Amino acid sequence: MNQESVTLEWYMFERLTAARANFPSTPCVYVQADPARYPFRIGKASEGLEARYRGGTGYAIDAAMHGSGNLVFVAAVPKELCEAIESELIWQGRRGLPYNNNGKRTPPPWRLRLVHTGTARRFDSFEFRDSVGTEERPA
């Protein structure tokens, strides 16, 4: 079975509001990562980050990140592939994503081959730390 290949060009931000300013209405997937660039949460914003994190919500996340050194990576994606790409990213990182609850028990029905470019070097092999303070529950 051939998998469709999708290239993700990642951009790095130190604040969610900076990411939101750059991707206000562009469909995208995003990764929250620790200072060493290990992902710990993945999400999608099919209408862009302004619709996903309006007003004070973005600032509240910035405040929670304050001084942590955590990073936000964003890649623009076609709107129709947003959910499929998010699902593939979560499936690939299922053992190291303590803040994603869904999509970790069964592979997505439509598998994609993801090619990572841009500032997310750690994603080249999509390395994840073991879950922090959580264990994957048996299926």
N, C-alpha and C. Protein backbone atom coordinates (compact mmCIF):
# COMPACT_ATOMS: atom_id res chain seq x y z
N MET A 1 0.84 -1.19 0.00
CA MET A 1 0.00 0.00 0.00
C MET A 1 0.88 1.25 0.00
N ASN A 2 0.68 2.14 -0.94
CA ASN A 2 1.42 3.39 -0.99
C ASN A 2 0.78 4.42 -0.07
N GLN A 3 1.63 5.12 0.64
CA GLN A 3 1.15 6.19 1.50
C GLN A 3 1.37 7.52 0.81
N GLU A 4 0.40 8.39 0.94
CA GLU A 4 0.57 9.74 0.42
C GLU A 4 1.64 10.44 1.24
N SER A 5 2.51 11.17 0.56
CA SER A 5 3.58 11.90 1.23
C SER A 5 3.17 13.37 1.38
N VAL A 6 3.35 13.90 2.57
CA VAL A 6 3.03 15.30 2.86
C VAL A 6 4.25 15.94 3.50
N THR A 7 4.69 17.07 2.95
CA THR A 7 5.81 17.81 3.52
C THR A 7 5.27 18.88 4.46
N LEU A 8 5.82 18.89 5.68
CA LEU A 8 5.43 19.88 6.68
C LEU A 8 6.62 20.82 6.90
N GLU A 9 6.42 22.09 6.62
CA GLU A 9 7.47 23.09 6.88
C GLU A 9 7.15 23.76 8.21
N TRP A 10 7.95 23.44 9.21
CA TRP A 10 7.70 23.89 10.58
C TRP A 10 8.33 25.25 10.84
N TYR A 11 7.60 26.09 11.58
CA TYR A 11 8.08 27.38 12.05
C TYR A 11 8.02 27.36 13.57
N MET A 12 9.05 27.89 14.22
CA MET A 12 9.16 27.84 15.68
C MET A 12 8.81 29.20 16.29
N PHE A 13 8.08 29.14 17.41
CA PHE A 13 7.70 30.34 18.14
C PHE A 13 7.90 30.11 19.64
N GLU A 14 8.26 31.18 20.33
CA GLU A 14 8.42 31.10 21.79
C GLU A 14 7.12 31.41 22.52
N ARG A 15 6.13 31.96 21.79
CA ARG A 15 4.83 32.28 22.40
C ARG A 15 3.72 31.86 21.45
N LEU A 16 2.63 31.41 22.00
CA LEU A 16 1.48 31.04 21.18
C LEU A 16 0.93 32.26 20.45
N THR A 17 0.92 33.42 21.09
CA THR A 17 0.38 34.61 20.43
C THR A 17 1.22 35.00 19.22
N ALA A 18 2.52 34.73 19.23
CA ALA A 18 3.36 34.99 18.06
C ALA A 18 2.99 34.02 16.93
N ALA A 19 2.76 32.76 17.28
CA ALA A 19 2.33 31.77 16.28
C ALA A 19 0.98 32.19 15.71
N ARG A 20 0.07 32.62 16.59
CA ARG A 20 -1.26 33.04 16.17
C ARG A 20 -1.19 34.22 15.21
N ALA A 21 -0.29 35.17 15.47
CA ALA A 21 -0.13 36.34 14.60
C ALA A 21 0.36 35.95 13.21
N ASN A 22 1.13 34.88 13.12
CA ASN A 22 1.67 34.43 11.84
C ASN A 22 0.75 33.49 11.09
N PHE A 23 -0.16 32.82 11.79
CA PHE A 23 -1.08 31.86 11.18
C PHE A 23 -2.52 32.15 11.64
N PRO A 24 -2.99 33.40 11.47
CA PRO A 24 -4.30 33.75 12.02
C PRO A 24 -5.45 32.98 11.35
N SER A 25 -5.41 32.82 10.04
CA SER A 25 -6.52 32.15 9.34
C SER A 25 -6.04 31.04 8.41
N THR A 26 -4.79 30.65 8.54
CA THR A 26 -4.22 29.59 7.72
C THR A 26 -4.44 28.24 8.40
N PRO A 27 -5.06 27.29 7.73
CA PRO A 27 -5.19 25.95 8.32
C PRO A 27 -3.80 25.42 8.66
N CYS A 28 -3.67 24.81 9.84
CA CYS A 28 -2.34 24.36 10.28
C CYS A 28 -2.45 23.25 11.32
N VAL A 29 -1.32 22.60 11.53
CA VAL A 29 -1.14 21.72 12.68
C VAL A 29 -0.06 22.38 13.53
N TYR A 30 -0.10 22.10 14.84
CA TYR A 30 0.90 22.70 15.71
C TYR A 30 1.34 21.68 16.74
N VAL A 31 2.55 21.91 17.22
CA VAL A 31 3.16 21.03 18.21
C VAL A 31 3.65 21.90 19.35
N GLN A 32 3.28 21.52 20.56
CA GLN A 32 3.86 22.14 21.74
C GLN A 32 5.00 21.23 22.17
N ALA A 33 6.17 21.82 22.41
CA ALA A 33 7.37 21.04 22.68
C ALA A 33 8.14 21.64 23.85
N ASP A 34 8.97 20.80 24.47
CA ASP A 34 9.80 21.27 25.57
C ASP A 34 11.02 22.01 25.02
N PRO A 35 11.86 22.59 25.87
CA PRO A 35 13.00 23.36 25.38
C PRO A 35 13.97 22.55 24.51
N ALA A 36 14.01 21.24 24.67
CA ALA A 36 14.87 20.40 23.84
C ALA A 36 14.16 19.98 22.55
N ARG A 37 12.99 20.55 22.30
CA ARG A 37 12.19 20.32 21.09
C ARG A 37 11.54 18.94 21.04
N TYR A 38 11.36 18.30 22.17
CA TYR A 38 10.59 17.06 22.21
C TYR A 38 9.11 17.41 22.29
N PRO A 39 8.29 16.93 21.37
CA PRO A 39 6.86 17.22 21.40
C PRO A 39 6.18 16.62 22.63
N PHE A 40 5.20 17.35 23.18
CA PHE A 40 4.39 16.78 24.26
C PHE A 40 2.89 16.97 24.00
N ARG A 41 2.52 17.75 23.00
CA ARG A 41 1.11 17.89 22.62
C ARG A 41 1.02 18.31 21.17
N ILE A 42 0.06 17.76 20.46
CA ILE A 42 -0.17 18.07 19.04
C ILE A 42 -1.62 18.50 18.88
N GLY A 43 -1.83 19.50 18.02
CA GLY A 43 -3.18 19.95 17.75
C GLY A 43 -3.34 20.42 16.32
N LYS A 44 -4.57 20.74 15.97
CA LYS A 44 -4.88 21.25 14.63
C LYS A 44 -5.73 22.50 14.76
N ALA A 45 -5.64 23.34 13.75
CA ALA A 45 -6.45 24.55 13.70
C ALA A 45 -6.90 24.72 12.25
N SER A 46 -8.00 24.05 11.89
CA SER A 46 -8.43 24.02 10.49
C SER A 46 -8.89 25.38 9.97
N GLU A 47 -9.19 26.31 10.88
CA GLU A 47 -9.56 27.68 10.49
C GLU A 47 -8.47 28.67 10.85
N GLY A 48 -7.31 28.19 11.29
CA GLY A 48 -6.22 29.06 11.71
C GLY A 48 -6.18 29.22 13.22
N LEU A 49 -5.07 29.76 13.72
CA LEU A 49 -4.88 29.85 15.16
C LEU A 49 -5.70 30.97 15.82
N GLU A 50 -6.12 31.96 15.05
CA GLU A 50 -6.97 33.02 15.63
C GLU A 50 -8.32 32.43 16.04
N ALA A 51 -8.89 31.61 15.19
CA ALA A 51 -10.18 30.98 15.52
C ALA A 51 -10.02 29.96 16.66
N ARG A 52 -8.88 29.30 16.71
CA ARG A 52 -8.65 28.26 17.72
C ARG A 52 -8.32 28.86 19.09
N TYR A 53 -7.54 29.94 19.11
CA TYR A 53 -7.09 30.56 20.37
C TYR A 53 -7.39 32.05 20.35
N ARG A 54 -8.66 32.40 20.33
CA ARG A 54 -9.11 33.79 20.28
C ARG A 54 -8.68 34.58 21.52
N GLY A 55 -8.46 35.85 21.32
CA GLY A 55 -8.28 36.81 22.41
C GLY A 55 -7.44 36.33 23.57
N GLY A 56 -8.05 36.36 24.74
CA GLY A 56 -7.34 36.07 25.98
C GLY A 56 -6.87 34.64 26.12
N THR A 57 -7.46 33.70 25.36
CA THR A 57 -7.01 32.31 25.45
C THR A 57 -5.55 32.18 25.06
N GLY A 58 -5.15 32.84 23.99
CA GLY A 58 -3.75 32.81 23.58
C GLY A 58 -2.83 33.41 24.63
N TYR A 59 -3.26 34.50 25.25
CA TYR A 59 -2.45 35.13 26.29
C TYR A 59 -2.37 34.26 27.54
N ALA A 60 -3.45 33.55 27.84
CA ALA A 60 -3.42 32.63 29.00
C ALA A 60 -2.41 31.51 28.77
N ILE A 61 -2.34 31.02 27.54
CA ILE A 61 -1.34 29.98 27.25
C ILE A 61 0.06 30.56 27.32
N ASP A 62 0.24 31.78 26.81
CA ASP A 62 1.55 32.45 26.95
C ASP A 62 1.93 32.56 28.41
N ALA A 63 0.99 32.95 29.26
CA ALA A 63 1.27 33.10 30.69
C ALA A 63 1.65 31.75 31.30
N ALA A 64 0.97 30.69 30.91
CA ALA A 64 1.29 29.36 31.44
C ALA A 64 2.68 28.91 30.97
N MET A 65 3.09 29.33 29.78
CA MET A 65 4.40 28.97 29.25
C MET A 65 5.53 29.84 29.80
N HIS A 66 5.17 30.96 30.42
CA HIS A 66 6.16 31.97 30.84
C HIS A 66 7.33 31.34 31.61
N GLY A 67 8.53 31.58 31.11
CA GLY A 67 9.74 31.12 31.77
C GLY A 67 10.02 29.63 31.62
N SER A 68 9.17 28.90 30.92
CA SER A 68 9.36 27.45 30.80
C SER A 68 10.37 27.07 29.73
N GLY A 69 10.52 27.94 28.73
CA GLY A 69 11.37 27.59 27.59
C GLY A 69 10.67 26.70 26.58
N ASN A 70 9.41 26.35 26.85
CA ASN A 70 8.66 25.53 25.90
C ASN A 70 8.44 26.30 24.61
N LEU A 71 8.22 25.56 23.53
CA LEU A 71 8.12 26.14 22.20
C LEU A 71 6.84 25.69 21.52
N VAL A 72 6.44 26.46 20.52
CA VAL A 72 5.30 26.11 19.67
C VAL A 72 5.82 26.05 18.24
N PHE A 73 5.55 24.93 17.57
CA PHE A 73 5.90 24.75 16.16
C PHE A 73 4.62 24.68 15.36
N VAL A 74 4.59 25.36 14.21
CA VAL A 74 3.39 25.41 13.38
C VAL A 74 3.77 25.11 11.94
N ALA A 75 2.92 24.30 11.28
CA ALA A 75 3.08 24.01 9.85
C ALA A 75 1.74 24.22 9.17
N ALA A 76 1.72 25.02 8.11
CA ALA A 76 0.51 25.22 7.32
C ALA A 76 0.21 23.92 6.57
N VAL A 77 -1.05 23.56 6.51
CA VAL A 77 -1.47 22.34 5.81
C VAL A 77 -2.76 22.62 5.04
N PRO A 78 -3.04 21.84 3.99
CA PRO A 78 -4.33 21.99 3.32
C PRO A 78 -5.46 21.67 4.31
N LYS A 79 -6.49 22.49 4.29
CA LYS A 79 -7.59 22.34 5.24
C LYS A 79 -8.15 20.92 5.22
N GLU A 80 -8.28 20.33 4.04
CA GLU A 80 -8.87 18.99 3.93
C GLU A 80 -7.97 17.89 4.50
N LEU A 81 -6.68 18.20 4.75
CA LEU A 81 -5.76 17.21 5.33
C LEU A 81 -5.47 17.48 6.80
N CYS A 82 -6.01 18.55 7.34
CA CYS A 82 -5.70 18.96 8.71
C CYS A 82 -5.90 17.82 9.71
N GLU A 83 -7.06 17.22 9.71
CA GLU A 83 -7.36 16.16 10.68
C GLU A 83 -6.51 14.92 10.43
N ALA A 84 -6.30 14.55 9.17
CA ALA A 84 -5.50 13.37 8.86
C ALA A 84 -4.04 13.55 9.29
N ILE A 85 -3.51 14.75 9.10
CA ILE A 85 -2.11 15.01 9.50
C ILE A 85 -2.00 15.02 11.02
N GLU A 86 -2.94 15.68 11.70
CA GLU A 86 -2.92 15.66 13.16
C GLU A 86 -2.99 14.21 13.68
N SER A 87 -3.87 13.41 13.10
CA SER A 87 -4.02 12.01 13.53
C SER A 87 -2.73 11.22 13.32
N GLU A 88 -2.08 11.44 12.19
CA GLU A 88 -0.83 10.72 11.92
C GLU A 88 0.27 11.15 12.90
N LEU A 89 0.37 12.45 13.16
CA LEU A 89 1.37 12.93 14.12
C LEU A 89 1.13 12.33 15.51
N ILE A 90 -0.13 12.32 15.93
CA ILE A 90 -0.44 11.75 17.25
C ILE A 90 -0.13 10.26 17.27
N TRP A 91 -0.48 9.55 16.21
CA TRP A 91 -0.21 8.11 16.18
C TRP A 91 1.30 7.86 16.25
N GLN A 92 2.08 8.60 15.49
CA GLN A 92 3.53 8.41 15.49
C GLN A 92 4.13 8.72 16.86
N GLY A 93 3.55 9.65 17.58
CA GLY A 93 4.11 10.04 18.87
C GLY A 93 3.33 9.55 20.07
N ARG A 94 2.47 8.57 19.87
CA ARG A 94 1.51 8.17 20.91
C ARG A 94 2.13 7.83 22.25
N ARG A 95 3.37 7.35 22.28
CA ARG A 95 3.99 6.97 23.56
C ARG A 95 4.59 8.16 24.30
N GLY A 96 4.71 9.28 23.63
CA GLY A 96 5.36 10.43 24.25
C GLY A 96 4.54 11.69 24.27
N LEU A 97 3.22 11.57 24.16
CA LEU A 97 2.35 12.75 24.14
C LEU A 97 1.40 12.72 25.33
N PRO A 98 1.85 13.17 26.49
CA PRO A 98 1.02 13.07 27.69
C PRO A 98 -0.24 13.93 27.66
N TYR A 99 -0.29 14.94 26.78
CA TYR A 99 -1.44 15.85 26.77
C TYR A 99 -2.38 15.62 25.60
N ASN A 100 -2.18 14.56 24.85
CA ASN A 100 -3.15 14.14 23.83
C ASN A 100 -3.85 12.90 24.36
N ASN A 101 -5.17 12.95 24.42
CA ASN A 101 -5.94 11.83 24.95
C ASN A 101 -6.51 10.92 23.87
N ASN A 102 -6.77 11.45 22.70
CA ASN A 102 -7.39 10.68 21.62
C ASN A 102 -6.39 10.33 20.54
N GLY A 103 -6.64 9.23 19.85
CA GLY A 103 -5.85 8.85 18.69
C GLY A 103 -4.60 8.06 18.99
N LYS A 104 -4.52 7.47 20.20
CA LYS A 104 -3.30 6.77 20.58
C LYS A 104 -3.46 5.25 20.66
N ARG A 105 -4.67 4.75 20.45
CA ARG A 105 -4.91 3.30 20.59
C ARG A 105 -4.96 2.55 19.27
N THR A 106 -5.42 3.19 18.22
CA THR A 106 -5.49 2.53 16.91
C THR A 106 -4.95 3.49 15.86
N PRO A 107 -4.29 2.95 14.85
CA PRO A 107 -3.74 3.84 13.80
C PRO A 107 -4.85 4.53 13.02
N PRO A 108 -4.54 5.69 12.47
CA PRO A 108 -5.56 6.39 11.67
C PRO A 108 -5.92 5.54 10.45
N PRO A 109 -7.15 5.65 9.97
CA PRO A 109 -7.57 4.84 8.82
C PRO A 109 -6.85 5.22 7.54
N TRP A 110 -6.41 6.47 7.45
CA TRP A 110 -5.72 6.95 6.26
C TRP A 110 -4.32 7.36 6.70
N ARG A 111 -3.32 6.51 6.40
CA ARG A 111 -1.95 6.77 6.83
C ARG A 111 -1.24 7.70 5.85
N LEU A 112 -0.40 8.55 6.39
CA LEU A 112 0.38 9.51 5.60
C LEU A 112 1.86 9.35 5.92
N ARG A 113 2.70 9.59 4.93
CA ARG A 113 4.14 9.65 5.17
C ARG A 113 4.46 11.13 5.30
N LEU A 114 4.96 11.53 6.47
CA LEU A 114 5.24 12.94 6.74
C LEU A 114 6.72 13.22 6.59
N VAL A 115 7.01 14.29 5.89
CA VAL A 115 8.38 14.76 5.69
C VAL A 115 8.49 16.09 6.43
N HIS A 116 9.43 16.19 7.36
CA HIS A 116 9.55 17.38 8.21
C HIS A 116 10.68 18.27 7.71
N THR A 117 10.38 19.55 7.49
CA THR A 117 11.39 20.54 7.10
C THR A 117 11.21 21.76 8.00
N GLY A 118 12.12 22.69 7.89
CA GLY A 118 12.01 23.92 8.67
C GLY A 118 12.76 23.80 9.98
N THR A 119 12.23 24.45 11.01
CA THR A 119 12.95 24.59 12.28
C THR A 119 12.77 23.43 13.24
N ALA A 120 12.03 22.42 12.87
CA ALA A 120 11.75 21.31 13.80
C ALA A 120 12.68 20.13 13.54
N ARG A 121 13.96 20.33 13.74
CA ARG A 121 14.93 19.27 13.47
C ARG A 121 14.62 17.98 14.23
N ARG A 122 14.18 18.09 15.43
CA ARG A 122 13.88 16.92 16.26
C ARG A 122 12.81 16.06 15.60
N PHE A 123 11.95 16.67 14.77
CA PHE A 123 10.87 15.92 14.15
C PHE A 123 11.35 15.09 12.96
N ASP A 124 12.60 15.29 12.50
CA ASP A 124 13.09 14.51 11.36
C ASP A 124 12.86 13.03 11.58
N SER A 125 13.16 12.56 12.76
CA SER A 125 12.89 11.16 13.08
C SER A 125 11.72 11.07 14.05
N PHE A 126 11.09 12.20 14.27
CA PHE A 126 9.97 12.35 15.19
C PHE A 126 10.24 11.65 16.50
N GLU A 127 11.28 12.11 17.16
CA GLU A 127 11.67 11.56 18.46
C GLU A 127 10.76 12.11 19.55
N PHE A 128 10.40 11.24 20.46
CA PHE A 128 9.58 11.64 21.59
C PHE A 128 10.24 11.12 22.86
N ARG A 129 10.12 11.88 23.90
CA ARG A 129 10.51 11.38 25.22
C ARG A 129 9.43 10.42 25.67
N ASP A 130 9.76 9.55 26.61
CA ASP A 130 8.71 8.74 27.22
C ASP A 130 7.74 9.70 27.89
N SER A 131 6.50 9.30 27.98
CA SER A 131 5.48 10.15 28.58
C SER A 131 5.92 10.63 29.95
N VAL A 132 5.65 11.88 30.22
CA VAL A 132 6.01 12.48 31.49
C VAL A 132 4.86 12.27 32.47
N GLY A 133 5.07 11.44 33.47
CA GLY A 133 4.07 11.25 34.51
C GLY A 133 2.85 10.47 34.07
N THR A 134 2.89 9.86 32.89
CA THR A 134 1.75 9.08 32.43
C THR A 134 2.25 7.79 31.83
N GLU A 135 1.39 6.84 31.75
CA GLU A 135 1.69 5.60 31.06
C GLU A 135 0.57 5.32 30.09
N GLU A 136 0.94 4.78 28.94
CA GLU A 136 -0.09 4.43 27.97
C GLU A 136 -0.90 3.27 28.56
N ARG A 137 -2.21 3.43 28.55
CA ARG A 137 -3.08 2.40 29.08
C ARG A 137 -3.20 1.26 28.07
N PRO A 138 -3.29 0.03 28.54
CA PRO A 138 -3.47 -1.08 27.60
C PRO A 138 -4.79 -0.96 26.87
N ALA A 139 -4.81 -1.39 25.63
CA ALA A 139 -6.04 -1.32 24.82
C ALA A 139 -7.09 -2.29 25.31
